[in-house]
Amino acid sequence: MTEKPIGKITSYFSKVEVAAIDLTDDLKVGDKIHIKGNTTDFEQVVKSMQIDRVDVEEAGDGDSVGIKVKDKVRQGDIVYKG
């Protein structure tokens, strides 16, 4: 199965290790994502997700979500789901 882009990193909060992602497709807790950029390249499972500091199980096109990430990400990195 090929990965498809589902969003883009808009910001990263290093103190809490949270990435803000503008979604262009569906994302659910439990999905495996791949974040890739010039110096970013890792995969992880989405363990929790928030919209406006409220926990959600899923989000979709047009939503801006925050997820905890295991490594530093940068603005403009692309988020894939595979």
C-alpha atoms as a PDB file:
ATOM      1  CA  MET A   1       0.000   0.000   0.000  1.00  0.00           C
ATOM      2  CA  THR A   2       1.431   3.366  -0.949  1.00  0.00           C
ATOM      3  CA  GLU A   3       1.491   6.272   1.438  1.00  0.00           C
ATOM      4  CA  LYS A   4      -0.640   9.263   0.651  1.00  0.00           C
ATOM      5  CA  PRO A   5      -0.159  12.798   1.956  1.00  0.00           C
ATOM      6  CA  ILE A   6      -2.837  13.762   4.480  1.00  0.00           C
ATOM      7  CA  GLY A   7      -1.518  17.044   5.846  1.00  0.00           C
ATOM      8  CA  LYS A   8       1.267  19.475   6.549  1.00  0.00           C
ATOM      9  CA  ILE A   9       3.028  20.549   9.750  1.00  0.00           C
ATOM     10  CA  THR A  10       2.203  24.167  10.574  1.00  0.00           C
ATOM     11  CA  SER A  11       4.094  24.428  13.868  1.00  0.00           C
ATOM     12  CA  TYR A  12       5.962  22.466  16.525  1.00  0.00           C
ATOM     13  CA  PHE A  13       5.867  23.030  20.275  1.00  0.00           C
ATOM     14  CA  SER A  14       9.126  21.620  21.618  1.00  0.00           C
ATOM     15  CA  LYS A  15       8.276  21.916  25.341  1.00  0.00           C
ATOM     16  CA  VAL A  16       5.321  19.545  24.985  1.00  0.00           C
ATOM     17  CA  GLU A  17       6.574  17.750  21.824  1.00  0.00           C
ATOM     18  CA  VAL A  18       3.353  18.461  19.959  1.00  0.00           C
ATOM     19  CA  ALA A  19       2.989  19.069  16.227  1.00  0.00           C
ATOM     20  CA  ALA A  20       0.172  21.140  14.747  1.00  0.00           C
ATOM     21  CA  ILE A  21      -1.051  19.625  11.483  1.00  0.00           C
ATOM     22  CA  ASP A  22      -3.429  21.079   8.892  1.00  0.00           C
ATOM     23  CA  LEU A  23      -5.243  18.037   7.524  1.00  0.00           C
ATOM     24  CA  THR A  24      -6.301  17.472   3.920  1.00  0.00           C
ATOM     25  CA  ASP A  25      -7.700  13.986   4.624  1.00  0.00           C
ATOM     26  CA  ASP A  26      -8.994  11.806   7.462  1.00  0.00           C
ATOM     27  CA  LEU A  27      -6.854  10.876  10.466  1.00  0.00           C
ATOM     28  CA  LYS A  28      -7.824   8.688  13.416  1.00  0.00           C
ATOM     29  CA  VAL A  29      -6.230   7.714  16.710  1.00  0.00           C
ATOM     30  CA  GLY A  30      -4.440   4.428  16.028  1.00  0.00           C
ATOM     31  CA  ASP A  31      -3.426   5.363  12.472  1.00  0.00           C
ATOM     32  CA  LYS A  32       0.211   4.954  11.501  1.00  0.00           C
ATOM     33  CA  ILE A  33       1.700   8.134  10.062  1.00  0.00           C
ATOM     34  CA  HIS A  34       4.985   9.001   8.381  1.00  0.00           C
ATOM     35  CA  ILE A  35       6.344  12.537   8.774  1.00  0.00           C
ATOM     36  CA  LYS A  36       8.854  13.537   6.129  1.00  0.00           C
ATOM     37  CA  GLY A  37      10.731  16.728   5.343  1.00  0.00           C
ATOM     38  CA  ASN A  38      14.236  17.955   4.498  1.00  0.00           C
ATOM     39  CA  THR A  39      15.661  16.715   7.808  1.00  0.00           C
ATOM     40  CA  THR A  40      12.636  14.873   9.223  1.00  0.00           C
ATOM     41  CA  ASP A  41      11.831  11.230   8.486  1.00  0.00           C
ATOM     42  CA  PHE A  42      10.081   8.958  10.987  1.00  0.00           C
ATOM     43  CA  GLU A  43       6.970   6.865  11.482  1.00  0.00           C
ATOM     44  CA  GLN A  44       4.735   6.583  14.516  1.00  0.00           C
ATOM     45  CA  VAL A  45       1.240   5.613  15.593  1.00  0.00           C
ATOM     46  CA  VAL A  46      -1.145   8.419  16.562  1.00  0.00           C
ATOM     47  CA  LYS A  47      -1.804   7.819  20.276  1.00  0.00           C
ATOM     48  CA  SER A  48      -3.877  10.935  20.912  1.00  0.00           C
ATOM     49  CA  MET A  49      -5.116  13.922  18.994  1.00  0.00           C
ATOM     50  CA  GLN A  50      -6.628  17.254  19.940  1.00  0.00           C
ATOM     51  CA  ILE A  51      -8.558  20.031  18.251  1.00  0.00           C
ATOM     52  CA  ASP A  52      -8.513  23.288  20.246  1.00  0.00           C
ATOM     53  CA  ARG A  53      -7.141  21.397  23.286  1.00  0.00           C
ATOM     54  CA  VAL A  54     -10.070  18.942  23.272  1.00  0.00           C
ATOM     55  CA  ASP A  55      -9.319  15.230  22.772  1.00  0.00           C
ATOM     56  CA  VAL A  56     -10.811  13.783  19.583  1.00  0.00           C
ATOM     57  CA  GLU A  57     -10.747  10.280  18.111  1.00  0.00           C
ATOM     58  CA  GLU A  58     -10.775  11.395  14.490  1.00  0.00           C
ATOM     59  CA  ALA A  59     -10.491  14.485  12.320  1.00  0.00           C
ATOM     60  CA  GLY A  60     -10.740  15.279   8.623  1.00  0.00           C
ATOM     61  CA  ASP A  61     -10.053  17.622   5.749  1.00  0.00           C
ATOM     62  CA  GLY A  62      -9.834  21.231   6.912  1.00  0.00           C
ATOM     63  CA  ASP A  63      -9.217  20.396  10.577  1.00  0.00           C
ATOM     64  CA  SER A  64      -6.124  21.595  12.387  1.00  0.00           C
ATOM     65  CA  VAL A  65      -5.030  19.013  14.966  1.00  0.00           C
ATOM     66  CA  GLY A  66      -2.317  18.675  17.552  1.00  0.00           C
ATOM     67  CA  ILE A  67      -0.585  15.343  18.066  1.00  0.00           C
ATOM     68  CA  LYS A  68       2.259  14.312  20.317  1.00  0.00           C
ATOM     69  CA  VAL A  69       5.286  13.356  18.218  1.00  0.00           C
ATOM     70  CA  LYS A  70       8.307  11.264  19.161  1.00  0.00           C
ATOM     71  CA  ASP A  71      10.817  13.464  17.337  1.00  0.00           C
ATOM     72  CA  LYS A  72      11.229  17.092  16.311  1.00  0.00           C
ATOM     73  CA  VAL A  73       9.256  18.181  13.254  1.00  0.00           C
ATOM     74  CA  ARG A  74       9.487  21.351  11.222  1.00  0.00           C
ATOM     75  CA  GLN A  75       7.005  23.689   9.589  1.00  0.00           C
ATOM     76  CA  GLY A  76       6.256  22.478   6.075  1.00  0.00           C
ATOM     77  CA  ASP A  77       7.014  18.787   6.763  1.00  0.00           C
ATOM     78  CA  ILE A  78       4.472  16.528   5.042  1.00  0.00           C
ATOM     79  CA  VAL A  79       2.396  13.995   6.963  1.00  0.00           C
ATOM     80  CA  TYR A  80       1.614  10.722   5.179  1.00  0.00           C
ATOM     81  CA  LYS A  81      -0.668   7.849   6.117  1.00  0.00           C
ATOM     82  CA  GLY A  82       0.232   4.424   4.817  1.00  0.00           C
END
